[in-house]
Amino acid sequence: MKYNNTKDPIEMRKQAIAKQKGSMSSLLGILIGHTMILLGGILIARSMFGFLEQEMTNSNEPPLAIFSMVAGLPLIIFGFFVHTGASRRFTGKLLSSPGIGSGPVLFIGFAIGAWWGALSLPVLGLLWLIPSFLSLIAGLLLLASILVRRRRSVRYDVLTRMIKEGKIAAALITDIPEIDPGSGGLIGTITVKFTDIAGVDRWVQKTGQWKRLDLPKTGDAATVLYDPQYPENNSRIWIGPAGSTTIADFTLWHS
């Protein structure tokens, strides 16, 4: 076996991660994960009505819909794993999704499966309330996901302007949680101190996410981008690794 110690392994890992960000293979993985979750949700909800169907028809043989549960649950579980891993590669972040997220997709599947099952019953009665309720939850989750995406888009627009008009300052991390040895990363609050253009010391806290190998420590250097006209406005402050100058740098740590 040949070894190559002439290249920095950390830099090589960063380059490999950078190649995966926004890649078509990662996007395909996200779509596959969503499809598995959707199908799993449909099969699980349909199987629930299979028991009612058996009781209403007084059948001694269990309907085939019941056995769809056997396939539905693994589809959901593995779909979440596929979606999470592909989203992590696509965004380069510990926990982030470029689309609507897996929650709305799951409940859309539940709603479809519930309507399928309810409409297959010989007598519907008040059971239409179940798929209606699931459809309402799916709609609310979808709306919430869209609003979150819209909020992120607005923040990105503000960041784009701040890169041109804002001020970049060196900062010091005064507090960041430590993680357990077995943890893959951190989603938590970071506190940094910086001095604005007027010479005033300021502290800012932001919620961010880091993979284990990228997690900074208390006392490490960082960089702050802020609005020099309103340095007290935390919503117009971004924190990035030391030496940050670009939009990609200042979105690296933010959740």
Protein backbone atom coordinates (compact mmCIF):
# COMPACT_ATOMS: atom_id res chain seq x y z
CA MET A 1 0.00 0.00 0.00
CA LYS A 2 1.29 3.42 -0.97
CA TYR A 3 0.96 6.41 1.30
CA ASN A 4 1.17 10.07 0.35
CA ASN A 5 2.21 12.44 3.11
CA THR A 6 3.08 15.34 0.81
CA LYS A 7 -0.45 16.77 0.91
CA ASP A 8 -2.34 18.27 3.81
CA PRO A 9 -5.13 15.76 4.62
CA ILE A 10 -7.31 18.48 6.16
CA GLU A 11 -7.08 20.59 3.03
CA MET A 12 -7.78 17.53 0.87
CA ARG A 13 -10.89 16.78 2.92
CA LYS A 14 -12.09 20.36 2.52
CA GLN A 15 -11.59 20.15 -1.22
CA ALA A 16 -13.53 16.88 -1.38
CA ILE A 17 -16.40 18.41 0.59
CA ALA A 18 -16.37 21.48 -1.66
CA LYS A 19 -16.72 19.28 -4.74
CA GLN A 20 -19.79 17.60 -3.26
CA LYS A 21 -21.58 20.88 -2.43
CA GLY A 22 -24.33 21.52 -4.95
CA SER A 23 -23.42 18.39 -6.94
CA MET A 24 -25.99 16.56 -9.06
CA SER A 25 -25.23 13.29 -7.28
CA SER A 26 -26.10 14.84 -3.92
CA LEU A 27 -29.27 16.36 -5.37
CA LEU A 28 -30.23 12.95 -6.76
CA GLY A 29 -29.70 11.46 -3.30
CA ILE A 30 -32.05 14.08 -1.82
CA LEU A 31 -34.73 13.24 -4.38
CA ILE A 32 -34.31 9.51 -3.75
CA GLY A 33 -34.61 10.07 0.00
CA HIS A 34 -37.76 12.16 -0.48
CA THR A 35 -39.26 9.48 -2.73
CA MET A 36 -38.58 6.74 -0.17
CA ILE A 37 -40.10 8.82 2.64
CA LEU A 38 -43.16 9.69 0.53
CA LEU A 39 -43.78 6.07 -0.47
CA GLY A 40 -43.20 4.90 3.09
CA GLY A 41 -45.73 7.39 4.42
CA ILE A 42 -48.30 6.32 1.82
CA LEU A 43 -47.87 2.62 2.61
CA ILE A 44 -47.98 3.10 6.39
CA ALA A 45 -51.17 5.19 6.29
CA ARG A 46 -52.81 2.83 3.79
CA SER A 47 -52.01 -0.16 5.98
CA MET A 48 -53.73 1.46 8.97
CA PHE A 49 -56.99 1.52 7.03
CA GLY A 50 -56.37 -2.07 6.01
CA PHE A 51 -57.33 -3.21 9.49
CA LEU A 52 -60.61 -1.27 9.30
CA GLU A 53 -61.25 -2.71 5.87
CA GLN A 54 -60.80 -6.23 7.22
CA GLU A 55 -63.21 -5.58 10.10
CA MET A 56 -65.88 -3.97 7.90
CA THR A 57 -65.83 -6.77 5.34
CA ASN A 58 -65.73 -9.52 8.01
CA SER A 59 -62.91 -11.14 6.09
CA ASN A 60 -60.92 -13.97 7.62
CA GLU A 61 -57.97 -13.15 5.37
CA PRO A 62 -55.96 -10.02 6.17
CA PRO A 63 -56.04 -7.53 3.27
CA LEU A 64 -52.83 -7.00 1.35
CA ALA A 65 -52.77 -3.38 2.50
CA ILE A 66 -51.80 -4.54 5.99
CA PHE A 67 -48.58 -6.03 4.68
CA SER A 68 -47.60 -2.68 3.19
CA MET A 69 -46.60 -1.67 6.71
CA VAL A 70 -43.72 -4.13 6.50
CA ALA A 71 -42.32 -2.18 3.54
CA GLY A 72 -43.44 1.28 4.63
CA LEU A 73 -41.52 1.59 7.90
CA PRO A 74 -38.10 0.61 6.47
CA LEU A 75 -38.67 2.99 3.55
CA ILE A 76 -39.23 5.87 5.96
CA ILE A 77 -36.22 5.02 8.14
CA PHE A 78 -33.78 4.51 5.28
CA GLY A 79 -35.27 7.45 3.41
CA PHE A 80 -34.43 9.74 6.31
CA PHE A 81 -30.86 8.42 6.37
CA VAL A 82 -30.46 8.90 2.60
CA HIS A 83 -32.00 12.38 2.67
CA THR A 84 -29.93 13.56 5.65
CA GLY A 85 -26.64 12.29 4.21
CA ALA A 86 -27.31 13.71 0.74
CA SER A 87 -28.43 17.05 2.18
CA ARG A 88 -25.26 17.23 4.27
CA ARG A 89 -23.14 16.68 1.18
CA PHE A 90 -25.20 19.11 -0.93
CA THR A 91 -25.13 21.98 1.59
CA GLY A 92 -21.84 21.20 3.33
CA LYS A 93 -23.58 21.64 6.69
CA LEU A 94 -24.28 19.28 9.55
CA LEU A 95 -28.07 19.54 9.34
CA SER A 96 -29.64 21.44 6.47
CA SER A 97 -31.94 20.78 3.55
CA PRO A 98 -32.03 22.69 0.27
CA GLY A 99 -35.70 21.83 -0.32
CA ILE A 100 -38.85 21.67 1.73
CA GLY A 101 -37.40 19.15 4.17
CA SER A 102 -38.45 15.61 4.94
CA GLY A 103 -41.21 16.45 7.47
CA PRO A 104 -43.70 17.87 4.96
CA VAL A 105 -42.90 15.05 2.51
CA LEU A 106 -43.68 12.43 5.17
CA PHE A 107 -47.05 13.95 6.05
CA ILE A 108 -47.95 14.41 2.40
CA GLY A 109 -47.39 10.66 2.12
CA PHE A 110 -49.52 10.04 5.21
CA ALA A 111 -52.32 12.17 3.73
CA ILE A 112 -52.22 10.41 0.35
CA GLY A 113 -52.19 6.97 1.97
CA ALA A 114 -55.01 7.92 4.33
CA TRP A 115 -57.23 9.18 1.50
CA TRP A 116 -56.43 6.02 -0.48
CA GLY A 117 -57.37 3.86 2.48
CA ALA A 118 -60.47 5.84 3.44
CA LEU A 119 -61.89 5.81 -0.08
CA SER A 120 -61.31 2.04 -0.24
CA LEU A 121 -63.63 1.39 2.71
CA PRO A 122 -67.16 0.14 2.04
CA VAL A 123 -68.53 2.78 4.42
CA LEU A 124 -66.61 6.02 5.01
CA GLY A 125 -68.66 7.76 7.70
CA LEU A 126 -66.66 10.17 9.85
CA LEU A 127 -63.40 8.48 8.93
CA TRP A 128 -62.89 11.19 6.30
CA LEU A 129 -61.76 13.37 9.22
CA ILE A 130 -58.50 11.37 9.52
CA PRO A 131 -57.13 12.07 6.02
CA SER A 132 -58.50 15.62 6.25
CA PHE A 133 -56.56 16.20 9.46
CA LEU A 134 -53.39 14.70 7.98
CA SER A 135 -53.82 16.88 4.88
CA LEU A 136 -54.11 19.94 7.11
CA ILE A 137 -50.91 19.04 8.96
CA ALA A 138 -49.12 18.42 5.66
CA GLY A 139 -50.28 21.79 4.35
CA LEU A 140 -49.16 23.61 7.49
CA LEU A 141 -45.75 21.94 7.45
CA LEU A 142 -45.35 22.77 3.77
CA LEU A 143 -46.29 26.40 4.40
CA ALA A 144 -43.88 26.62 7.35
CA SER A 145 -41.09 25.17 5.22
CA ILE A 146 -41.76 27.71 2.47
CA LEU A 147 -41.72 30.56 4.99
CA VAL A 148 -38.40 29.34 6.39
CA ARG A 149 -36.95 29.22 2.89
CA ARG A 150 -38.24 32.73 2.25
CA ARG A 151 -36.69 33.98 5.47
CA ARG A 152 -33.34 32.44 4.51
CA SER A 153 -33.57 34.04 1.07
CA VAL A 154 -34.14 37.47 2.62
CA ARG A 155 -31.17 36.99 4.94
CA TYR A 156 -29.03 35.95 1.98
CA ASP A 157 -30.03 39.13 0.14
CA VAL A 158 -29.06 41.21 3.19
CA LEU A 159 -25.74 39.36 3.44
CA THR A 160 -25.07 40.03 -0.24
CA ARG A 161 -25.48 43.76 0.37
CA MET A 162 -23.44 43.65 3.56
CA ILE A 163 -20.50 42.03 1.77
CA LYS A 164 -20.34 45.20 -0.33
CA GLU A 165 -21.35 47.81 2.25
CA GLY A 166 -20.49 46.25 5.62
CA LYS A 167 -17.35 46.14 7.70
CA ILE A 168 -15.24 43.06 8.40
CA ALA A 169 -13.52 42.85 11.77
CA ALA A 170 -11.36 40.33 13.55
CA ALA A 171 -13.14 38.60 16.44
CA LEU A 172 -12.44 36.24 19.32
CA ILE A 173 -14.60 33.28 20.30
CA THR A 174 -15.39 33.76 23.98
CA ASP A 175 -17.70 30.77 24.34
CA ILE A 176 -18.80 27.74 22.35
CA PRO A 177 -20.12 24.43 23.74
CA GLU A 178 -17.87 21.39 23.79
CA ILE A 179 -19.15 18.14 22.34
CA ASP A 180 -18.97 14.52 23.44
CA PRO A 181 -16.31 12.31 21.86
CA GLY A 182 -18.96 10.33 20.00
CA SER A 183 -20.84 13.33 18.64
CA GLY A 184 -20.68 14.06 14.90
CA GLY A 185 -20.95 17.80 15.35
CA LEU A 186 -22.68 20.66 17.11
CA ILE A 187 -25.79 22.76 16.64
CA GLY A 188 -25.55 25.45 19.30
CA THR A 189 -24.76 29.02 20.25
CA ILE A 190 -21.42 30.69 19.67
CA THR A 191 -20.38 33.92 21.42
CA VAL A 192 -17.73 36.18 19.93
CA LYS A 193 -16.20 39.52 20.84
CA PHE A 194 -15.15 42.17 18.34
CA THR A 195 -14.32 45.86 18.27
CA ASP A 196 -16.35 48.06 15.94
CA ILE A 197 -15.05 50.91 13.82
CA ALA A 198 -15.65 53.36 16.67
CA GLY A 199 -13.45 51.36 19.06
CA VAL A 200 -16.38 49.95 21.06
CA ASP A 201 -16.10 46.35 22.26
CA ARG A 202 -19.16 44.31 21.35
CA TRP A 203 -20.33 40.76 21.96
CA VAL A 204 -22.66 38.86 19.70
CA GLN A 205 -24.29 35.44 19.97
CA LYS A 206 -25.41 33.38 16.99
CA THR A 207 -26.84 29.90 16.55
CA GLY A 208 -24.72 27.85 14.21
CA GLN A 209 -23.83 24.32 13.16
CA TRP A 210 -20.48 22.66 12.77
CA LYS A 211 -19.18 19.25 11.82
CA ARG A 212 -16.81 17.73 14.37
CA LEU A 213 -13.66 18.41 12.36
CA ASP A 214 -14.69 22.02 11.69
CA LEU A 215 -15.73 22.88 15.25
CA PRO A 216 -13.75 25.82 16.68
CA LYS A 217 -12.92 26.20 20.36
CA THR A 218 -13.20 28.95 22.92
CA GLY A 219 -10.28 31.30 22.43
CA ASP A 220 -9.99 30.71 18.69
CA ALA A 221 -9.98 33.57 16.23
CA ALA A 222 -13.04 34.34 14.11
CA THR A 223 -14.28 37.06 11.77
CA VAL A 224 -17.34 39.29 12.04
CA LEU A 225 -19.22 41.07 9.27
CA TYR A 226 -21.43 43.89 10.57
CA ASP A 227 -23.22 47.06 9.55
CA PRO A 228 -20.95 49.97 10.59
CA GLN A 229 -23.97 52.30 10.76
CA TYR A 230 -25.87 49.97 13.11
CA PRO A 231 -23.24 47.81 14.86
CA GLU A 232 -25.71 47.01 17.64
CA ASN A 233 -28.11 45.29 15.20
CA ASN A 234 -27.45 41.57 15.70
CA SER A 235 -29.66 40.62 12.74
CA ARG A 236 -27.12 42.32 10.45
CA ILE A 237 -24.10 40.55 11.93
CA TRP A 238 -22.53 37.37 10.58
CA ILE A 239 -19.78 35.26 12.09
CA GLY A 240 -17.31 33.20 10.11
CA PRO A 241 -13.92 31.51 10.47
CA ALA A 242 -10.79 33.61 10.73
CA GLY A 243 -9.98 35.25 7.42
CA SER A 244 -13.55 35.16 6.09
CA THR A 245 -14.25 37.58 3.23
CA THR A 246 -16.94 35.99 1.03
CA ILE A 247 -20.61 35.06 1.24
CA ALA A 248 -19.66 31.38 1.38
CA ASP A 249 -17.36 32.08 4.34
CA PHE A 250 -20.05 33.86 6.35
CA THR A 251 -22.72 31.22 5.70
CA LEU A 252 -20.42 28.36 6.66
CA TRP A 253 -21.24 28.46 10.37
CA HIS A 254 -24.79 29.76 10.30
CA SER A 255 -27.67 27.30 10.59
